[in-house]
PDB file of N, CA and C in Angstrom:
ATOM      1  N   MET A   1     107.231 264.735  -2.057  1.00  0.00           N
ATOM      2  CA  MET A   1     106.099 263.872  -1.802  1.00  0.00           C
ATOM      3  C   MET A   1     105.537 264.205  -0.416  1.00  0.00           C
ATOM      4  N   PRO A   2     104.248 264.490  -0.336  1.00  0.00           N
ATOM      5  CA  PRO A   2     103.639 264.834   0.956  1.00  0.00           C
ATOM      6  C   PRO A   2     103.587 263.634   1.908  1.00  0.00           C
ATOM      7  N   THR A   3     103.591 263.941   3.188  1.00  0.00           N
ATOM      8  CA  THR A   3     103.494 262.937   4.240  1.00  0.00           C
ATOM      9  C   THR A   3     102.415 263.367   5.233  1.00  0.00           C
ATOM     10  N   ALA A   4     101.624 262.416   5.679  1.00  0.00           N
ATOM     11  CA  ALA A   4     100.615 262.669   6.707  1.00  0.00           C
ATOM     12  C   ALA A   4     100.901 261.753   7.888  1.00  0.00           C
ATOM     13  N   ARG A   5     100.626 262.253   9.091  1.00  0.00           N
ATOM     14  CA  ARG A   5     100.950 261.516  10.309  1.00  0.00           C
ATOM     15  C   ARG A   5      99.814 261.697  11.313  1.00  0.00           C
ATOM     16  N   THR A   6      99.459 260.595  11.984  1.00  0.00           N
ATOM     17  CA  THR A   6      98.431 260.667  13.016  1.00  0.00           C
ATOM     18  C   THR A   6      98.665 259.583  14.055  1.00  0.00           C
ATOM     19  N   PRO A   7      98.323 259.845  15.308  1.00  0.00           N
ATOM     20  CA  PRO A   7      98.304 258.739  16.283  1.00  0.00           C
ATOM     21  C   PRO A   7      97.074 257.879  16.009  1.00  0.00           C
ATOM     22  N   ALA A   8      97.072 256.671  16.516  1.00  0.00           N
ATOM     23  CA  ALA A   8      95.916 255.785  16.349  1.00  0.00           C
ATOM     24  C   ALA A   8      94.713 256.406  17.052  1.00  0.00           C
ATOM     25  N   VAL A   9      93.633 256.554  16.307  1.00  0.00           N
ATOM     26  CA  VAL A   9      92.387 257.090  16.857  1.00  0.00           C
ATOM     27  C   VAL A   9      91.270 256.083  16.586  1.00  0.00           C
ATOM     28  N   ALA A  10      90.265 256.108  17.424  1.00  0.00           N
ATOM     29  CA  ALA A  10      89.117 255.219  17.252  1.00  0.00           C
ATOM     30  C   ALA A  10      88.205 255.751  16.150  1.00  0.00           C
ATOM     31  N   LEU A  11      87.307 254.917  15.666  1.00  0.00           N
ATOM     32  CA  LEU A  11      86.405 255.280  14.579  1.00  0.00           C
ATOM     33  C   LEU A  11      85.608 256.547  14.906  1.00  0.00           C
ATOM     34  N   ALA A  12      85.218 256.721  16.158  1.00  0.00           N
ATOM     35  CA  ALA A  12      84.435 257.906  16.543  1.00  0.00           C
ATOM     36  C   ALA A  12      85.203 259.208  16.331  1.00  0.00           C
ATOM     37  N   ASN A  13      86.523 259.143  16.315  1.00  0.00           N
ATOM     38  CA  ASN A  13      87.373 260.329  16.124  1.00  0.00           C
ATOM     39  C   ASN A  13      88.233 260.202  14.872  1.00  0.00           C
ATOM     40  N   ILE A  14      87.710 259.586  13.838  1.00  0.00           N
ATOM     41  CA  ILE A  14      88.448 259.264  12.621  1.00  0.00           C
ATOM     42  C   ILE A  14      89.275 260.463  12.122  1.00  0.00           C
ATOM     43  N   ALA A  15      90.498 260.180  11.693  1.00  0.00           N
ATOM     44  CA  ALA A  15      91.421 261.218  11.231  1.00  0.00           C
ATOM     45  C   ALA A  15      91.431 261.279   9.706  1.00  0.00           C
ATOM     46  N   THR A  16      91.486 262.493   9.160  1.00  0.00           N
ATOM     47  CA  THR A  16      91.657 262.679   7.722  1.00  0.00           C
ATOM     48  C   THR A  16      93.138 262.879   7.455  1.00  0.00           C
ATOM     49  N   LEU A  17      93.739 261.954   6.712  1.00  0.00           N
ATOM     50  CA  LEU A  17      95.164 262.055   6.398  1.00  0.00           C
ATOM     51  C   LEU A  17      95.416 263.027   5.257  1.00  0.00           C
ATOM     52  N   PHE A  18      94.569 262.975   4.221  1.00  0.00           N
ATOM     53  CA  PHE A  18      94.659 263.941   3.131  1.00  0.00           C
ATOM     54  C   PHE A  18      93.343 263.958   2.368  1.00  0.00           C
ATOM     55  N   SER A  19      93.114 265.051   1.642  1.00  0.00           N
ATOM     56  CA  SER A  19      91.932 265.195   0.800  1.00  0.00           C
ATOM     57  C   SER A  19      92.385 265.314  -0.646  1.00  0.00           C
ATOM     58  N   THR A  20      91.721 264.601  -1.527  1.00  0.00           N
ATOM     59  CA  THR A  20      92.072 264.597  -2.939  1.00  0.00           C
ATOM     60  C   THR A  20      91.187 265.584  -3.689  1.00  0.00           C
ATOM     61  N   PRO A  21      91.787 266.532  -4.421  1.00  0.00           N
ATOM     62  CA  PRO A  21      90.972 267.451  -5.230  1.00  0.00           C
ATOM     63  C   PRO A  21      90.181 266.679  -6.292  1.00  0.00           C
ATOM     64  N   LYS A  22      89.055 267.232  -6.738  1.00  0.00           N
ATOM     65  CA  LYS A  22      88.163 266.566  -7.696  1.00  0.00           C
ATOM     66  C   LYS A  22      88.861 266.095  -8.964  1.00  0.00           C
ATOM     67  N   VAL A  23      89.830 266.825  -9.461  1.00  0.00           N
ATOM     68  CA  VAL A  23      90.453 266.494 -10.754  1.00  0.00           C
ATOM     69  C   VAL A  23      91.663 265.571 -10.614  1.00  0.00           C
ATOM     70  N   LYS A  24      91.919 265.061  -9.423  1.00  0.00           N
ATOM     71  CA  LYS A  24      93.099 264.226  -9.191  1.00  0.00           C
ATOM     72  C   LYS A  24      92.712 262.914  -8.507  1.00  0.00           C
ATOM     73  N   LYS A  25      93.716 262.034  -8.398  1.00  0.00           N
ATOM     74  CA  LYS A  25      93.597 260.801  -7.615  1.00  0.00           C
ATOM     75  C   LYS A  25      94.726 260.791  -6.598  1.00  0.00           C
ATOM     76  N   GLY A  26      94.423 260.419  -5.379  1.00  0.00           N
ATOM     77  CA  GLY A  26      95.453 260.260  -4.362  1.00  0.00           C
ATOM     78  C   GLY A  26      95.972 258.835  -4.397  1.00  0.00           C
ATOM     79  N   LYS A  27      97.293 258.690  -4.336  1.00  0.00           N
ATOM     80  CA  LYS A  27      97.907 257.355  -4.314  1.00  0.00           C
ATOM     81  C   LYS A  27      98.867 257.273  -3.140  1.00  0.00           C
ATOM     82  N   ILE A  28      98.718 256.229  -2.347  1.00  0.00           N
ATOM     83  CA  ILE A  28      99.617 256.016  -1.210  1.00  0.00           C
ATOM     84  C   ILE A  28     100.857 255.296  -1.711  1.00  0.00           C
ATOM     85  N   THR A  29     102.024 255.823  -1.354  1.00  0.00           N
ATOM     86  CA  THR A  29     103.280 255.215  -1.794  1.00  0.00           C
ATOM     87  C   THR A  29     103.946 254.399  -0.688  1.00  0.00           C
ATOM     88  N   SER A  30     103.657 254.710   0.570  1.00  0.00           N
ATOM     89  CA  SER A  30     104.156 253.883   1.676  1.00  0.00           C
ATOM     90  C   SER A  30     103.372 254.183   2.947  1.00  0.00           C
ATOM     91  N   ILE A  31     103.336 253.193   3.811  1.00  0.00           N
ATOM     92  CA  ILE A  31     102.693 253.326   5.119  1.00  0.00           C
ATOM     93  C   ILE A  31     103.655 252.769   6.156  1.00  0.00           C
ATOM     94  N   LYS A  32     103.857 253.519   7.224  1.00  0.00           N
ATOM     95  CA  LYS A  32     104.643 253.035   8.360  1.00  0.00           C
ATOM     96  C   LYS A  32     103.742 253.088   9.588  1.00  0.00           C
ATOM     97  N   ILE A  33     103.648 251.969  10.269  1.00  0.00           N
ATOM     98  CA  ILE A  33     102.864 251.892  11.503  1.00  0.00           C
ATOM     99  C   ILE A  33     103.823 251.532  12.618  1.00  0.00           C
ATOM    100  N   ASP A  34     104.037 252.468  13.537  1.00  0.00           N
ATOM    101  CA  ASP A  34     104.952 252.280  14.662  1.00  0.00           C
ATOM    102  C   ASP A  34     104.108 252.091  15.919  1.00  0.00           C
ATOM    103  N   ASN A  35     103.910 250.840  16.283  1.00  0.00           N
ATOM    104  CA  ASN A  35     103.042 250.511  17.416  1.00  0.00           C
ATOM    105  C   ASN A  35     103.881 250.213  18.657  1.00  0.00           C
ATOM    106  N   GLN A  36     104.127 251.226  19.446  1.00  0.00           N
ATOM    107  CA  GLN A  36     104.879 251.062  20.687  1.00  0.00           C
ATOM    108  C   GLN A  36     103.961 250.925  21.899  1.00  0.00           C
ATOM    109  N   SER A  37     102.717 250.600  21.636  1.00  0.00           N
ATOM    110  CA  SER A  37     101.763 250.411  22.726  1.00  0.00           C
ATOM    111  C   SER A  37     101.872 248.988  23.287  1.00  0.00           C
ATOM    112  N   ALA A  38     101.101 248.718  24.336  1.00  0.00           N
ATOM    113  CA  ALA A  38     101.163 247.420  25.011  1.00  0.00           C
ATOM    114  C   ALA A  38     100.264 246.370  24.373  1.00  0.00           C
ATOM    115  N   ALA A  39      99.507 246.750  23.335  1.00  0.00           N
ATOM    116  CA  ALA A  39      98.593 245.798  22.696  1.00  0.00           C
ATOM    117  C   ALA A  39      98.678 245.927  21.174  1.00  0.00           C
ATOM    118  N   ALA A  40      98.336 244.856  20.486  1.00  0.00           N
ATOM    119  CA  ALA A  40      98.284 244.892  19.019  1.00  0.00           C
ATOM    120  C   ALA A  40      97.195 245.868  18.577  1.00  0.00           C
ATOM    121  N   LYS A  41      97.414 246.500  17.426  1.00  0.00           N
ATOM    122  CA  LYS A  41      96.438 247.439  16.871  1.00  0.00           C
ATOM    123  C   LYS A  41      96.157 247.059  15.420  1.00  0.00           C
ATOM    124  N   THR A  42      94.898 247.156  15.036  1.00  0.00           N
ATOM    125  CA  THR A  42      94.520 247.013  13.632  1.00  0.00           C
ATOM    126  C   THR A  42      94.241 248.409  13.103  1.00  0.00           C
ATOM    127  N   ILE A  43      94.891 248.742  11.993  1.00  0.00           N
ATOM    128  CA  ILE A  43      94.777 250.060  11.376  1.00  0.00           C
ATOM    129  C   ILE A  43      93.955 249.925  10.100  1.00  0.00           C
ATOM    130  N   TYR A  44      93.044 250.867   9.895  1.00  0.00           N
ATOM    131  CA  TYR A  44      92.166 250.861   8.732  1.00  0.00           C
ATOM    132  C   TYR A  44      92.316 252.182   7.976  1.00  0.00           C
ATOM    133  N   LEU A  45      92.342 252.113   6.647  1.00  0.00           N
ATOM    134  CA  LEU A  45      92.267 253.289   5.794  1.00  0.00           C
ATOM    135  C   LEU A  45      91.039 253.143   4.921  1.00  0.00           C
ATOM    136  N   ARG A  46      90.327 254.240   4.723  1.00  0.00           N
ATOM    137  CA  ARG A  46      89.168 254.204   3.848  1.00  0.00           C
ATOM    138  C   ARG A  46      89.093 255.484   3.028  1.00  0.00           C
ATOM    139  N   ASP A  47      88.358 255.403   1.941  1.00  0.00           N
ATOM    140  CA  ASP A  47      88.164 256.515   1.023  1.00  0.00           C
ATOM    141  C   ASP A  47      86.728 256.997   1.162  1.00  0.00           C
ATOM    142  N   ASP A  48      86.542 258.256   1.566  1.00  0.00           N
ATOM    143  CA  ASP A  48      85.210 258.853   1.677  1.00  0.00           C
ATOM    144  C   ASP A  48      85.066 259.904   0.590  1.00  0.00           C
ATOM    145  N   PHE A  49      84.066 259.742  -0.278  1.00  0.00           N
ATOM    146  CA  PHE A  49      83.859 260.719  -1.350  1.00  0.00           C
ATOM    147  C   PHE A  49      82.407 260.695  -1.802  1.00  0.00           C
ATOM    148  N   THR A  50      82.016 261.731  -2.522  1.00  0.00           N
ATOM    149  CA  THR A  50      80.698 261.803  -3.144  1.00  0.00           C
ATOM    150  C   THR A  50      80.904 261.950  -4.638  1.00  0.00           C
ATOM    151  N   PRO A  51      80.406 261.018  -5.425  1.00  0.00           N
ATOM    152  CA  PRO A  51      80.565 261.119  -6.879  1.00  0.00           C
ATOM    153  C   PRO A  51      79.866 262.358  -7.431  1.00  0.00           C
ATOM    154  N   ASP A  52      80.285 262.771  -8.619  1.00  0.00           N
ATOM    155  CA  ASP A  52      79.649 263.892  -9.295  1.00  0.00           C
ATOM    156  C   ASP A  52      78.274 263.481  -9.805  1.00  0.00           C
ATOM    157  N   VAL A  53      77.445 264.470 -10.007  1.00  0.00           N
ATOM    158  CA  VAL A  53      76.138 264.264 -10.627  1.00  0.00           C
ATOM    159  C   VAL A  53      76.356 263.809 -12.064  1.00  0.00           C
ATOM    160  N   SER A  54      75.525 262.889 -12.539  1.00  0.00           N
ATOM    161  CA  SER A  54      75.632 262.415 -13.919  1.00  0.00           C
ATOM    162  C   SER A  54      74.238 262.334 -14.532  1.00  0.00           C
ATOM    163  N   VAL A  55      74.191 261.963 -15.781  1.00  0.00           N
ATOM    164  CA  VAL A  55      72.907 261.827 -16.470  1.00  0.00           C
ATOM    165  C   VAL A  55      72.052 260.750 -15.797  1.00  0.00           C
ATOM    166  N   LYS A  56      72.684 259.674 -15.357  1.00  0.00           N
ATOM    167  CA  LYS A  56      71.944 258.570 -14.757  1.00  0.00           C
ATOM    168  C   LYS A  56      71.675 258.746 -13.263  1.00  0.00           C
ATOM    169  N   VAL A  57      72.497 259.536 -12.583  1.00  0.00           N
ATOM    170  CA  VAL A  57      72.348 259.712 -11.133  1.00  0.00           C
ATOM    171  C   VAL A  57      72.326 261.212 -10.826  1.00  0.00           C
ATOM    172  N   ALA A  58      71.140 261.714 -10.542  1.00  0.00           N
ATOM    173  CA  ALA A  58      70.985 263.149 -10.306  1.00  0.00           C
ATOM    174  C   ALA A  58      71.500 263.585  -8.934  1.00  0.00           C
ATOM    175  N   ALA A  59      71.403 262.695  -7.960  1.00  0.00           N
ATOM    176  CA  ALA A  59      71.833 263.035  -6.607  1.00  0.00           C
ATOM    177  C   ALA A  59      72.594 261.847  -6.007  1.00  0.00           C
ATOM    178  N   PRO A  60      73.861 261.669  -6.386  1.00  0.00           N
ATOM    179  CA  PRO A  60      74.620 260.531  -5.859  1.00  0.00           C
ATOM    180  C   PRO A  60      74.864 260.655  -4.357  1.00  0.00           C
ATOM    181  N   GLY A  61      74.867 259.531  -3.695  1.00  0.00           N
ATOM    182  CA  GLY A  61      75.100 259.521  -2.255  1.00  0.00           C
ATOM    183  C   GLY A  61      76.579 259.403  -1.920  1.00  0.00           C
ATOM    184  N   ALA A  62      76.908 259.718  -0.695  1.00  0.00           N
ATOM    185  CA  ALA A  62      78.296 259.610  -0.222  1.00  0.00           C
ATOM    186  C   ALA A  62      78.737 258.154  -0.247  1.00  0.00           C
ATOM    187  N   GLN A  63      79.995 257.930  -0.590  1.00  0.00           N
ATOM    188  CA  GLN A  63      80.575 256.593  -0.683  1.00  0.00           C
ATOM    189  C   GLN A  63      81.682 256.436   0.364  1.00  0.00           C
ATOM    190  N   THR A  64      81.738 255.282   0.978  1.00  0.00           N
ATOM    191  CA  THR A  64      82.814 254.928   1.903  1.00  0.00           C
ATOM    192  C   THR A  64      83.348 253.571   1.454  1.00  0.00           C
ATOM    193  N   ILE A  65      84.634 253.556   1.047  1.00  0.00           N
ATOM    194  CA  ILE A  65      85.228 252.330   0.523  1.00  0.00           C
ATOM    195  C   ILE A  65      86.465 251.975   1.344  1.00  0.00           C
ATOM    196  N   ALA A  66      86.468 250.770   1.914  1.00  0.00           N
ATOM    197  CA  ALA A  66      87.630 250.282   2.659  1.00  0.00           C
ATOM    198  C   ALA A  66      88.777 250.062   1.678  1.00  0.00           C
ATOM    199  N   LYS A  67      89.978 250.568   2.023  1.00  0.00           N
ATOM    200  CA  LYS A  67      91.125 250.478   1.119  1.00  0.00           C
ATOM    201  C   LYS A  67      92.296 249.681   1.687  1.00  0.00           C
ATOM    202  N   PHE A  68      92.416 249.631   3.020  1.00  0.00           N
ATOM    203  CA  PHE A  68      93.599 248.997   3.608  1.00  0.00           C
ATOM    204  C   PHE A  68      93.296 248.601   5.042  1.00  0.00           C
ATOM    205  N   GLN A  69      93.877 247.462   5.457  1.00  0.00           N
ATOM    206  CA  GLN A  69      93.771 247.005   6.841  1.00  0.00           C
ATOM    207  C   GLN A  69      95.030 246.226   7.177  1.00  0.00           C
ATOM    208  N   ALA A  70      95.615 246.504   8.336  1.00  0.00           N
ATOM    209  CA  ALA A  70      96.790 245.764   8.791  1.00  0.00           C
ATOM    210  C   ALA A  70      96.788 245.726  10.309  1.00  0.00           C
ATOM    211  N   THR A  71      97.202 244.592  10.854  1.00  0.00           N
ATOM    212  CA  THR A  71      97.346 244.449  12.296  1.00  0.00           C
ATOM    213  C   THR A  71      98.832 244.401  12.618  1.00  0.00           C
ATOM    214  N   VAL A  72      99.232 245.228  13.597  1.00  0.00           N
ATOM    215  CA  VAL A  72     100.636 245.313  14.010  1.00  0.00           C
ATOM    216  C   VAL A  72     100.706 244.965  15.494  1.00  0.00           C
ATOM    217  N   GLY A  73     101.564 244.016  15.814  1.00  0.00           N
ATOM    218  CA  GLY A  73     101.710 243.566  17.194  1.00  0.00           C
ATOM    219  C   GLY A  73     102.280 244.638  18.114  1.00  0.00           C
ATOM    220  N   ALA A  74     102.115 244.435  19.406  1.00  0.00           N
ATOM    221  CA  ALA A  74     102.621 245.364  20.416  1.00  0.00           C
ATOM    222  C   ALA A  74     104.139 245.481  20.313  1.00  0.00           C
ATOM    223  N   GLY A  75     104.634 246.711  20.324  1.00  0.00           N
ATOM    224  CA  GLY A  75     106.068 246.957  20.290  1.00  0.00           C
ATOM    225  C   GLY A  75     106.717 246.751  18.931  1.00  0.00           C
ATOM    226  N   LEU A  76     105.924 246.590  17.882  1.00  0.00           N
ATOM    227  CA  LEU A  76     106.461 246.329  16.546  1.00  0.00           C
ATOM    228  C   LEU A  76     106.213 247.495  15.588  1.00  0.00           C
ATOM    229  N   THR A  77     106.960 247.489  14.498  1.00  0.00           N
ATOM    230  CA  THR A  77     106.799 248.485  13.441  1.00  0.00           C
ATOM    231  C   THR A  77     106.574 247.752  12.125  1.00  0.00           C
ATOM    232  N   ALA A  78     105.614 248.231  11.350  1.00  0.00           N
ATOM    233  CA  ALA A  78     105.352 247.663  10.024  1.00  0.00           C
ATOM    234  C   ALA A  78     105.636 248.726   8.974  1.00  0.00           C
ATOM    235  N   ASP A  79     106.370 248.344   7.932  1.00  0.00           N
ATOM    236  CA  ASP A  79     106.621 249.204   6.775  1.00  0.00           C
ATOM    237  C   ASP A  79     105.971 248.558   5.561  1.00  0.00           C
ATOM    238  N   ILE A  80     104.999 249.232   5.004  1.00  0.00           N
ATOM    239  CA  ILE A  80     104.316 248.719   3.815  1.00  0.00           C
ATOM    240  C   ILE A  80     104.729 249.611   2.653  1.00  0.00           C
ATOM    241  N   MET A  81     105.352 249.005   1.667  1.00  0.00           N
ATOM    242  CA  MET A  81     105.912 249.777   0.561  1.00  0.00           C
ATOM    243  C   MET A  81     104.956 249.807  -0.633  1.00  0.00           C
ATOM    244  N   GLU A  82     105.316 250.620  -1.619  1.00  0.00           N
ATOM    245  CA  GLU A  82     104.455 250.888  -2.772  1.00  0.00           C
ATOM    246  C   GLU A  82     104.037 249.629  -3.527  1.00  0.00           C
ATOM    247  N   THR A  83     104.914 248.650  -3.639  1.00  0.00           N
ATOM    248  CA  THR A  83     104.569 247.437  -4.388  1.00  0.00           C
ATOM    249  C   THR A  83     103.392 246.694  -3.756  1.00  0.00           C
ATOM    250  N   GLU A  84     103.232 246.814  -2.450  1.00  0.00           N
ATOM    251  CA  GLU A  84     102.117 246.171  -1.754  1.00  0.00           C
ATOM    252  C   GLU A  84     100.864 247.035  -1.740  1.00  0.00           C
ATOM    253  N   LEU A  85     100.994 248.277  -2.201  1.00  0.00           N
ATOM    254  CA  LEU A  85      99.888 249.227  -2.137  1.00  0.00           C
ATOM    255  C   LEU A  85      99.317 249.569  -3.507  1.00  0.00           C
ATOM    256  N   LYS A  86      99.637 248.770  -4.511  1.00  0.00           N
ATOM    257  CA  LYS A  86      99.123 249.046  -5.860  1.00  0.00           C
ATOM    258  C   LYS A  86      97.601 249.088  -5.837  1.00  0.00           C
ATOM    259  N   ASN A  87      97.066 249.951  -6.668  1.00  0.00           N
ATOM    260  CA  ASN A  87      95.611 250.121  -6.819  1.00  0.00           C
ATOM    261  C   ASN A  87      94.938 250.686  -5.575  1.00  0.00           C
ATOM    262  N   LYS A  88      95.703 251.353  -4.736  1.00  0.00           N
ATOM    263  CA  LYS A  88      95.118 252.030  -3.576  1.00  0.00           C
ATOM    264  C   LYS A  88      94.943 253.510  -3.937  1.00  0.00           C
ATOM    265  N   GLU A  89      93.939 253.786  -4.773  1.00  0.00           N
ATOM    266  CA  GLU A  89      93.667 255.154  -5.196  1.00  0.00           C
ATOM    267  C   GLU A  89      92.544 255.735  -4.347  1.00  0.00           C
ATOM    268  N   PHE A  90      92.672 257.015  -4.038  1.00  0.00           N
ATOM    269  CA  PHE A  90      91.680 257.709  -3.226  1.00  0.00           C
ATOM    270  C   PHE A  90      91.075 258.831  -4.054  1.00  0.00           C
ATOM    271  N   LEU A  91      89.742 258.864  -4.093  1.00  0.00           N
ATOM    272  CA  LEU A  91      89.030 259.886  -4.870  1.00  0.00           C
ATOM    273  C   LEU A  91      88.551 261.038  -3.999  1.00  0.00           C
ATOM    274  N   GLY A  92      88.575 260.856  -2.695  1.00  0.00           N
ATOM    275  CA  GLY A  92      88.096 261.881  -1.771  1.00  0.00           C
ATOM    276  C   GLY A  92      89.033 262.017  -0.595  1.00  0.00           C
ATOM    277  N   ASP A  93      88.478 261.861   0.609  1.00  0.00           N
ATOM    278  CA  ASP A  93      89.276 261.978   1.831  1.00  0.00           C
ATOM    279  C   ASP A  93      89.844 260.617   2.215  1.00  0.00           C
ATOM    280  N   CYS A  94      91.147 260.574   2.470  1.00  0.00           N
ATOM    281  CA  CYS A  94      91.789 259.379   2.997  1.00  0.00           C
ATOM    282  C   CYS A  94      91.634 259.425   4.513  1.00  0.00           C
ATOM    283  N   LYS A  95      90.799 258.553   5.040  1.00  0.00           N
ATOM    284  CA  LYS A  95      90.501 258.516   6.471  1.00  0.00           C
ATOM    285  C   LYS A  95      91.217 257.343   7.126  1.00  0.00           C
ATOM    286  N   CYS A  96      91.638 257.544   8.372  1.00  0.00           N
ATOM    287  CA  CYS A  96      92.392 256.535   9.107  1.00  0.00           C
ATOM    288  C   CYS A  96      91.824 256.387  10.512  1.00  0.00           C
ATOM    289  N   TYR A  97      91.695 255.137  10.944  1.00  0.00           N
ATOM    290  CA  TYR A  97      91.313 254.867  12.327  1.00  0.00           C
ATOM    291  C   TYR A  97      91.905 253.532  12.747  1.00  0.00           C
ATOM    292  N   ALA A  98      91.829 253.246  14.041  1.00  0.00           N
ATOM    293  CA  ALA A  98      92.436 252.034  14.593  1.00  0.00           C
ATOM    294  C   ALA A  98      91.418 251.281  15.440  1.00  0.00           C
ATOM    295  N   SER A  99      91.775 250.054  15.774  1.00  0.00           N
ATOM    296  CA  SER A  99      90.904 249.226  16.614  1.00  0.00           C
ATOM    297  C   SER A  99      90.724 249.841  18.001  1.00  0.00           C
ATOM    298  N   ALA A 100      91.697 250.653  18.428  1.00  0.00           N
ATOM    299  CA  ALA A 100      91.607 251.381  19.701  1.00  0.00           C
ATOM    300  C   ALA A 100      92.519 252.599  19.633  1.00  0.00           C
ATOM    301  N   ALA A 101      92.081 253.671  20.244  1.00  0.00           N
ATOM    302  CA  ALA A 101      92.900 254.881  20.280  1.00  0.00           C
ATOM    303  C   ALA A 101      94.116 254.653  21.162  1.00  0.00           C
ATOM    304  N   ASP A 102      95.276 255.154  20.710  1.00  0.00           N
ATOM    305  CA  ASP A 102      96.498 255.002  21.493  1.00  0.00           C
ATOM    306  C   ASP A 102      97.572 255.924  20.931  1.00  0.00           C
ATOM    307  N   ALA A 103      98.015 256.880  21.736  1.00  0.00           N
ATOM    308  CA  ALA A 103      99.040 257.831  21.295  1.00  0.00           C
ATOM    309  C   ALA A 103     100.395 257.166  21.071  1.00  0.00           C
ATOM    310  N   ALA A 104     100.579 255.950  21.580  1.00  0.00           N
ATOM    311  CA  ALA A 104     101.846 255.234  21.398  1.00  0.00           C
ATOM    312  C   ALA A 104     101.897 254.470  20.068  1.00  0.00           C
ATOM    313  N   CYS A 105     100.851 254.569  19.278  1.00  0.00           N
ATOM    314  CA  CYS A 105     100.822 253.944  17.948  1.00  0.00           C
ATOM    315  C   CYS A 105     100.688 255.062  16.916  1.00  0.00           C
ATOM    316  N   ILE A 106     101.707 255.220  16.083  1.00  0.00           N
ATOM    317  CA  ILE A 106     101.758 256.307  15.107  1.00  0.00           C
ATOM    318  C   ILE A 106     101.663 255.732  13.690  1.00  0.00           C
ATOM    319  N   ILE A 107     100.814 256.366  12.878  1.00  0.00           N
ATOM    320  CA  ILE A 107     100.647 255.969  11.474  1.00  0.00           C
ATOM    321  C   ILE A 107     101.194 257.104  10.604  1.00  0.00           C
ATOM    322  N   ILE A 108     102.106 256.754   9.696  1.00  0.00           N
ATOM    323  CA  ILE A 108     102.728 257.722   8.788  1.00  0.00           C
ATOM    324  C   ILE A 108     102.466 257.244   7.358  1.00  0.00           C
ATOM    325  N   VAL A 109     101.878 258.122   6.552  1.00  0.00           N
ATOM    326  CA  VAL A 109     101.515 257.772   5.174  1.00  0.00           C
ATOM    327  C   VAL A 109     102.198 258.752   4.218  1.00  0.00           C
ATOM    328  N   ASP A 110     102.929 258.226   3.246  1.00  0.00           N
ATOM    329  CA  ASP A 110     103.450 259.025   2.141  1.00  0.00           C
ATOM    330  C   ASP A 110     102.493 258.843   0.975  1.00  0.00           C
ATOM    331  N   TYR A 111     102.181 259.944   0.294  1.00  0.00           N
ATOM    332  CA  TYR A 111     101.220 259.861  -0.802  1.00  0.00           C
ATOM    333  C   TYR A 111     101.555 260.858  -1.904  1.00  0.00           C
ATOM    334  N   SER A 112     100.896 260.686  -3.024  1.00  0.00           N
ATOM    335  CA  SER A 112     101.029 261.644  -4.122  1.00  0.00           C
ATOM    336  C   SER A 112      99.625 261.926  -4.672  1.00  0.00           C
ATOM    337  N   LEU A 113      99.490 263.087  -5.307  1.00  0.00           N
ATOM    338  CA  LEU A 113      98.245 263.451  -5.975  1.00  0.00           C
ATOM    339  C   LEU A 113      98.536 263.532  -7.456  1.00  0.00           C
ATOM    340  N   GLU A 114      97.867 262.699  -8.227  1.00  0.00           N
ATOM    341  CA  GLU A 114      98.134 262.623  -9.679  1.00  0.00           C
ATOM    342  C   GLU A 114      96.922 263.002 -10.479  1.00  0.00           C
TER     343      GLU A 114
END
């Protein structure tokens, strides 16, 4: 099972954790947020993708869908397991950002491509 890891980055420097190929769906199986910084951080995951052209939509626009949000207190670690992440499917790029950039806050995501 692949794992992606990033320090907390601000929206302006959003991190791509993984990209889902067109014929698959990305599913997150666990998230670990290790916030050893001096302040609480809110972590956001979103799905960025562009749908395929169809009979009804000749030129579909890019889509950004919020998928996950969690706030972790200073000096704490949060483990979010698969049972809490049901229906978190990604059709494009799994993007991650935080309320503030901080190298002392690490986000680790385990995922699968199905």
